[in-house]
Amino acid sequence: MSDKRKIDRRIFDLYDEYCHGRMSRREFLDKAAAITIGGVSALWMAQALMPRYAEAQTISFTDPRIKGTYVEYPSPGGTSGTMRGYLVEPTGEGPFPAVLVIHENRGLNPHIEDVARRAAVAGFLALAPDGLSPVGGYPGNDDDGRLMQRGLEPAELDRDMINSAWYVKSHALSDSRLGATGFCWGGGMTNRLAVELGSDLDAGVPFYGAAPASEDVSSIEAAMLVIMAGSDPRINAMWPDYEAALEANGVDYEMQMYEGTLHGFHNNSTPRYNEAAAALAWNRTVGFFRQHLSG
């Protein structure tokens, strides 16, 4: 990730468009190549932004503090009626408070699995569902994953995430207290879960996710920690209306803006990663869950 400071802001902006499915990989690389900086094509900058999952793993699958397995469970009303996810339990005696970890707009990639392991190391029963599992699962690369997720019926995909929340909340190792966190698309889904589950969700931590409709905020009973990047125009433009609705409905909430960061700053597999901000945001997330999921 050492190239981060050298990458031109225009390439970060193009990457954001690419990550959100508004241009193809080829378009992203072609547009970056057409930009010259000091007489040199910026194509290398675009290539440097591609995820490096193997380098970014922080907790091994075989870490003795946790046990991870892939599980299947029913999902009525979802894409296929069945879901698959990565369930990670802490070692030791349960039951444990449960946390749902929701992926971005490309299925359950290695980074999100790593986040689930981090949650389990912190003492939570963590489930990271794969929204692509009904159509074959995360395909091994983000480009195909984005295309696959874009092809799903949104309401059915939402239902698969909601059913995943119910699954981990009612799991034999769960003490029935439930938190949810997610990133980008998963951040927006965390907000939607708060609306859908009402009092059955105890705490939500959306990372730079789309806000729910203001008229739906009255259904939120969970405590919310809203995490935002300093430079994220599309998501940040939603905050004033979301905050007003949270205030109007008496929701227990906090917003944390991480100045000097870009959308996706928590993801340590790309140069948008901001190490200091990501560490602080994750520590606060764990603390927030411990506060609101405690006995």
Protein backbone atom coordinates (compact mmCIF):
# COMPACT_ATOMS: atom_id res chain seq x y z
CA MET A 1 0.00 0.00 0.00
CA SER A 2 3.02 2.28 -0.16
CA ASP A 3 1.83 3.96 -3.39
CA LYS A 4 -1.16 5.55 -1.67
CA ARG A 5 0.29 9.03 -1.23
CA LYS A 6 1.43 9.15 -4.86
CA ILE A 7 -1.93 8.35 -6.45
CA ASP A 8 -3.65 11.29 -8.10
CA ARG A 9 -7.09 12.18 -6.73
CA ARG A 10 -8.61 11.85 -10.21
CA ILE A 11 -7.67 8.17 -10.23
CA PHE A 12 -9.26 7.65 -6.81
CA ASP A 13 -12.44 9.27 -8.18
CA LEU A 14 -12.42 6.97 -11.21
CA TYR A 15 -11.86 3.99 -8.92
CA ASP A 16 -14.87 4.99 -6.84
CA GLU A 17 -17.01 5.00 -9.99
CA TYR A 18 -15.62 1.60 -10.96
CA CYS A 19 -16.13 0.09 -7.48
CA HIS A 20 -19.77 1.16 -7.48
CA GLY A 21 -20.41 -0.44 -10.86
CA ARG A 22 -20.73 2.75 -12.84
CA MET A 23 -17.99 1.75 -15.25
CA SER A 24 -16.30 -1.48 -16.26
CA ARG A 25 -12.76 -2.48 -15.36
CA ARG A 26 -11.72 -1.80 -18.96
CA GLU A 27 -13.26 1.69 -18.89
CA PHE A 28 -11.54 2.41 -15.58
CA LEU A 29 -8.14 1.36 -16.88
CA ASP A 30 -8.61 3.16 -20.21
CA LYS A 31 -9.64 6.42 -18.56
CA ALA A 32 -6.75 6.21 -16.14
CA ALA A 33 -4.33 5.49 -18.97
CA ALA A 34 -5.54 8.62 -20.78
CA ILE A 35 -4.50 10.81 -17.84
CA THR A 36 -0.87 11.85 -17.90
CA ILE A 37 1.04 13.14 -14.90
CA GLY A 38 4.49 14.52 -15.53
CA GLY A 39 4.29 13.10 -19.03
CA VAL A 40 3.62 9.57 -17.72
CA SER A 41 0.37 7.63 -18.09
CA ALA A 42 -1.54 7.13 -14.83
CA LEU A 43 -2.39 3.53 -15.72
CA TRP A 44 0.02 2.25 -13.05
CA MET A 45 -1.97 4.19 -10.44
CA ALA A 46 -5.17 2.43 -11.47
CA GLN A 47 -3.46 -0.94 -11.31
CA ALA A 48 -2.09 -0.13 -7.85
CA LEU A 49 -5.64 0.37 -6.56
CA MET A 50 -6.71 -3.20 -7.29
CA PRO A 51 -7.30 -5.28 -4.13
CA ARG A 52 -4.47 -7.37 -2.66
CA TYR A 53 -6.37 -9.75 -0.43
CA ALA A 54 -3.56 -12.15 0.43
CA GLU A 55 -1.37 -9.31 1.68
CA ALA A 56 -4.25 -7.77 3.63
CA GLN A 57 -5.23 -10.77 5.76
CA THR A 58 -4.86 -9.90 9.44
CA ILE A 59 -6.18 -13.07 11.10
CA SER A 60 -5.55 -16.56 9.78
CA PHE A 61 -8.32 -19.07 9.11
CA THR A 62 -6.49 -21.33 11.56
CA ASP A 63 -6.04 -18.79 14.35
CA PRO A 64 -6.49 -20.74 17.62
CA ARG A 65 -8.67 -17.98 19.11
CA ILE A 66 -11.51 -18.73 16.70
CA LYS A 67 -13.26 -21.46 14.76
CA GLY A 68 -14.66 -20.67 11.31
CA THR A 69 -17.01 -22.81 9.24
CA TYR A 70 -19.23 -22.31 6.21
CA VAL A 71 -22.87 -22.86 7.00
CA GLU A 72 -26.07 -23.15 5.00
CA TYR A 73 -29.47 -22.06 6.26
CA PRO A 74 -32.98 -21.42 4.94
CA SER A 75 -33.82 -18.02 3.49
CA PRO A 76 -37.52 -17.88 2.59
CA GLY A 77 -38.32 -15.06 0.20
CA GLY A 78 -34.68 -14.65 -0.80
CA THR A 79 -33.00 -15.26 -4.14
CA SER A 80 -33.23 -19.04 -3.97
CA GLY A 81 -34.65 -19.92 -0.56
CA THR A 82 -31.24 -20.98 0.78
CA MET A 83 -28.23 -19.00 1.97
CA ARG A 84 -24.59 -19.72 2.80
CA GLY A 85 -22.34 -17.76 5.09
CA TYR A 86 -19.05 -17.79 6.95
CA LEU A 87 -19.72 -18.35 10.66
CA VAL A 88 -16.85 -17.62 13.05
CA GLU A 89 -17.11 -18.39 16.74
CA PRO A 90 -14.73 -17.43 19.53
CA THR A 91 -13.07 -20.23 21.45
CA GLY A 92 -14.35 -20.75 24.96
CA GLU A 93 -17.73 -21.15 26.51
CA GLY A 94 -20.70 -19.55 24.82
CA PRO A 95 -23.21 -18.25 24.29
CA PHE A 96 -21.87 -15.06 22.71
CA PRO A 97 -23.42 -11.84 21.46
CA ALA A 98 -23.87 -12.10 17.69
CA VAL A 99 -22.69 -9.74 14.98
CA LEU A 100 -23.67 -9.82 11.31
CA VAL A 101 -20.88 -8.62 8.99
CA ILE A 102 -22.26 -7.50 5.62
CA HIS A 103 -20.17 -7.35 2.47
CA GLU A 104 -19.83 -4.65 -0.17
CA ASN A 105 -21.43 -4.83 -3.62
CA ARG A 106 -19.43 -7.85 -4.78
CA GLY A 107 -20.25 -10.76 -2.50
CA LEU A 108 -18.29 -12.34 0.31
CA ASN A 109 -14.69 -11.64 -0.62
CA PRO A 110 -11.61 -12.48 1.50
CA HIS A 111 -11.50 -9.03 3.11
CA ILE A 112 -14.99 -9.38 4.61
CA GLU A 113 -14.17 -12.89 5.82
CA ASP A 114 -11.17 -11.38 7.57
CA VAL A 115 -13.41 -8.75 9.22
CA ALA A 116 -15.65 -11.56 10.49
CA ARG A 117 -12.61 -13.22 12.06
CA ARG A 118 -11.69 -9.89 13.69
CA ALA A 119 -15.19 -9.71 15.20
CA ALA A 120 -14.87 -13.25 16.56
CA VAL A 121 -11.47 -12.50 18.10
CA ALA A 122 -13.21 -9.59 19.86
CA GLY A 123 -15.63 -12.05 21.45
CA PHE A 124 -18.63 -12.07 19.09
CA LEU A 125 -20.30 -14.88 17.19
CA ALA A 126 -19.83 -13.46 13.69
CA LEU A 127 -21.71 -14.36 10.52
CA ALA A 128 -20.65 -12.99 7.15
CA PRO A 129 -23.36 -13.99 4.66
CA ASP A 130 -22.61 -14.32 0.96
CA GLY A 131 -25.41 -12.68 -1.00
CA LEU A 132 -24.07 -14.39 -4.11
CA SER A 133 -24.33 -17.90 -2.66
CA PRO A 134 -27.75 -18.57 -4.27
CA VAL A 135 -26.16 -17.95 -7.70
CA GLY A 136 -22.91 -19.81 -7.12
CA GLY A 137 -21.14 -17.71 -4.49
CA TYR A 138 -18.37 -15.16 -4.62
CA PRO A 139 -16.61 -15.97 -7.91
CA GLY A 140 -13.05 -15.33 -6.77
CA ASN A 141 -12.70 -11.83 -8.20
CA ASP A 142 -14.49 -8.57 -7.53
CA ASP A 143 -15.28 -7.68 -11.15
CA ASP A 144 -17.43 -10.76 -11.69
CA GLY A 145 -18.79 -10.42 -8.17
CA ARG A 146 -20.08 -6.91 -8.86
CA LEU A 147 -21.77 -8.05 -12.06
CA MET A 148 -23.38 -10.99 -10.27
CA GLN A 149 -24.66 -8.88 -7.39
CA ARG A 150 -26.00 -6.24 -9.77
CA GLY A 151 -28.00 -8.98 -11.51
CA LEU A 152 -29.86 -10.00 -8.36
CA GLU A 153 -33.34 -8.80 -7.45
CA PRO A 154 -32.66 -6.16 -4.74
CA ALA A 155 -35.65 -7.06 -2.57
CA GLU A 156 -34.67 -10.74 -2.58
CA LEU A 157 -31.05 -9.91 -1.75
CA ASP A 158 -32.25 -7.73 1.12
CA ARG A 159 -34.39 -10.59 2.38
CA ASP A 160 -31.37 -12.91 2.31
CA MET A 161 -29.49 -10.47 4.57
CA ILE A 162 -32.47 -10.10 6.90
CA ASN A 163 -32.82 -13.89 7.14
CA SER A 164 -29.09 -14.11 7.85
CA ALA A 165 -29.58 -11.76 10.79
CA TRP A 166 -32.35 -13.96 12.16
CA TYR A 167 -30.20 -17.05 11.66
CA VAL A 168 -27.23 -15.80 13.67
CA LYS A 169 -29.45 -14.19 16.33
CA SER A 170 -31.20 -17.51 16.96
CA HIS A 171 -28.08 -19.70 16.65
CA ALA A 172 -27.39 -22.10 19.52
CA LEU A 173 -24.15 -20.21 20.31
CA SER A 174 -25.87 -16.81 20.34
CA ASP A 175 -27.17 -15.16 23.49
CA SER A 176 -29.82 -13.48 21.26
CA ARG A 177 -28.24 -10.02 21.41
CA LEU A 178 -27.53 -8.84 17.88
CA GLY A 179 -25.35 -6.23 16.24
CA ALA A 180 -24.76 -5.56 12.56
CA THR A 181 -22.03 -3.83 10.63
CA GLY A 182 -21.34 -3.48 6.93
CA PHE A 183 -19.33 -1.58 4.38
CA CYS A 184 -20.50 0.48 1.39
CA TRP A 185 -23.49 -1.57 0.13
CA GLY A 186 -23.30 -3.46 3.41
CA GLY A 187 -23.40 -0.16 5.30
CA GLY A 188 -26.64 0.72 3.56
CA MET A 189 -27.93 -2.76 4.34
CA THR A 190 -27.04 -2.25 8.01
CA ASN A 191 -29.27 0.82 7.99
CA ARG A 192 -32.06 -1.15 6.32
CA LEU A 193 -31.70 -3.95 8.87
CA ALA A 194 -32.15 -1.41 11.65
CA VAL A 195 -35.41 -0.36 10.03
CA GLU A 196 -36.60 -3.90 9.36
CA LEU A 197 -35.67 -5.52 12.68
CA GLY A 198 -36.71 -2.74 15.05
CA SER A 199 -36.13 -3.83 18.63
CA ASP A 200 -34.62 -7.15 17.51
CA LEU A 201 -31.41 -5.35 16.48
CA ASP A 202 -29.52 -3.97 19.45
CA ALA A 203 -26.76 -2.06 17.68
CA GLY A 204 -25.81 -1.08 14.12
CA VAL A 205 -22.53 0.28 12.76
CA PRO A 206 -22.85 1.23 9.08
CA PHE A 207 -19.58 2.17 7.39
CA TYR A 208 -20.18 4.79 4.65
CA GLY A 209 -23.53 3.30 3.69
CA ALA A 210 -26.61 4.77 2.05
CA ALA A 211 -29.12 6.22 4.49
CA PRO A 212 -32.63 4.79 4.78
CA ALA A 213 -35.65 6.81 3.72
CA SER A 214 -36.42 9.44 6.35
CA GLU A 215 -39.97 8.16 6.78
CA ASP A 216 -38.60 4.70 7.74
CA VAL A 217 -36.30 5.91 10.52
CA SER A 218 -39.13 5.82 13.05
CA SER A 219 -38.80 2.00 13.00
CA ILE A 220 -35.19 2.08 14.25
CA GLU A 221 -34.75 1.06 17.88
CA ALA A 222 -31.12 -0.04 17.73
CA ALA A 223 -28.32 2.20 18.92
CA MET A 224 -26.51 3.44 15.81
CA LEU A 225 -22.87 4.38 15.26
CA VAL A 226 -22.68 5.93 11.79
CA ILE A 227 -19.15 5.94 10.36
CA MET A 228 -18.38 8.22 7.42
CA ALA A 229 -15.35 9.13 5.32
CA GLY A 230 -14.28 12.75 5.11
CA SER A 231 -14.36 12.71 1.30
CA ASP A 232 -17.41 10.76 0.13
CA PRO A 233 -19.78 13.21 -1.58
CA ARG A 234 -22.60 10.82 -2.53
CA ILE A 235 -22.95 9.23 0.91
CA ASN A 236 -22.22 12.38 2.90
CA ALA A 237 -24.95 14.29 1.06
CA MET A 238 -27.49 11.92 2.64
CA TRP A 239 -26.41 12.65 6.21
CA PRO A 240 -28.32 15.88 6.99
CA ASP A 241 -31.70 14.30 6.25
CA TYR A 242 -30.74 11.07 8.03
CA GLU A 243 -29.54 12.97 11.10
CA ALA A 244 -32.72 15.05 11.20
CA ALA A 245 -34.83 11.89 11.09
CA LEU A 246 -32.75 10.21 13.82
CA GLU A 247 -33.15 13.29 16.00
CA ALA A 248 -36.87 13.59 15.32
CA ASN A 249 -37.46 9.97 16.27
CA GLY A 250 -35.30 9.95 19.39
CA VAL A 251 -32.89 7.29 18.10
CA ASP A 252 -29.74 6.72 20.17
CA TYR A 253 -27.06 7.55 17.61
CA GLU A 254 -23.57 8.89 17.10
CA MET A 255 -21.88 9.93 13.87
CA GLN A 256 -18.13 9.84 13.42
CA MET A 257 -16.54 11.57 10.44
CA TYR A 258 -12.97 10.55 9.66
CA GLU A 259 -11.40 13.57 8.03
CA GLY A 260 -8.77 13.01 5.37
CA THR A 261 -10.21 9.63 4.39
CA LEU A 262 -11.89 8.28 1.27
CA HIS A 263 -14.89 6.01 0.85
CA GLY A 264 -13.63 2.51 1.62
CA PHE A 265 -10.95 3.65 4.06
CA HIS A 266 -11.44 0.62 6.31
CA ASN A 267 -10.58 -1.88 3.58
CA ASN A 268 -6.90 -2.67 4.00
CA SER A 269 -6.64 -4.49 0.67
CA THR A 270 -6.50 -1.29 -1.43
CA PRO A 271 -4.60 2.03 -1.20
CA ARG A 272 -7.78 3.83 -0.14
CA TYR A 273 -7.05 2.26 3.23
CA ASN A 274 -6.21 4.70 5.99
CA GLU A 275 -4.46 2.68 8.68
CA ALA A 276 -4.94 5.08 11.59
CA ALA A 277 -8.57 5.86 10.81
CA ALA A 278 -9.41 2.21 10.13
CA ALA A 279 -7.90 1.06 13.41
CA LEU A 280 -9.71 3.77 15.36
CA ALA A 281 -13.03 3.09 13.63
CA TRP A 282 -12.77 -0.65 14.26
CA ASN A 283 -11.80 -0.18 17.91
CA ARG A 284 -14.80 2.12 18.35
CA THR A 285 -17.02 -0.42 16.59
CA VAL A 286 -15.94 -3.18 18.96
CA GLY A 287 -16.41 -0.87 21.95
CA PHE A 288 -19.86 0.16 20.72
CA PHE A 289 -20.93 -3.46 20.35
CA ARG A 290 -19.57 -4.36 23.78
CA GLN A 291 -21.51 -1.46 25.27
CA HIS A 292 -24.82 -2.25 23.59
CA LEU A 293 -24.65 -6.05 23.40
CA SER A 294 -23.62 -6.57 27.01
CA GLY A 295 -25.90 -8.24 29.52
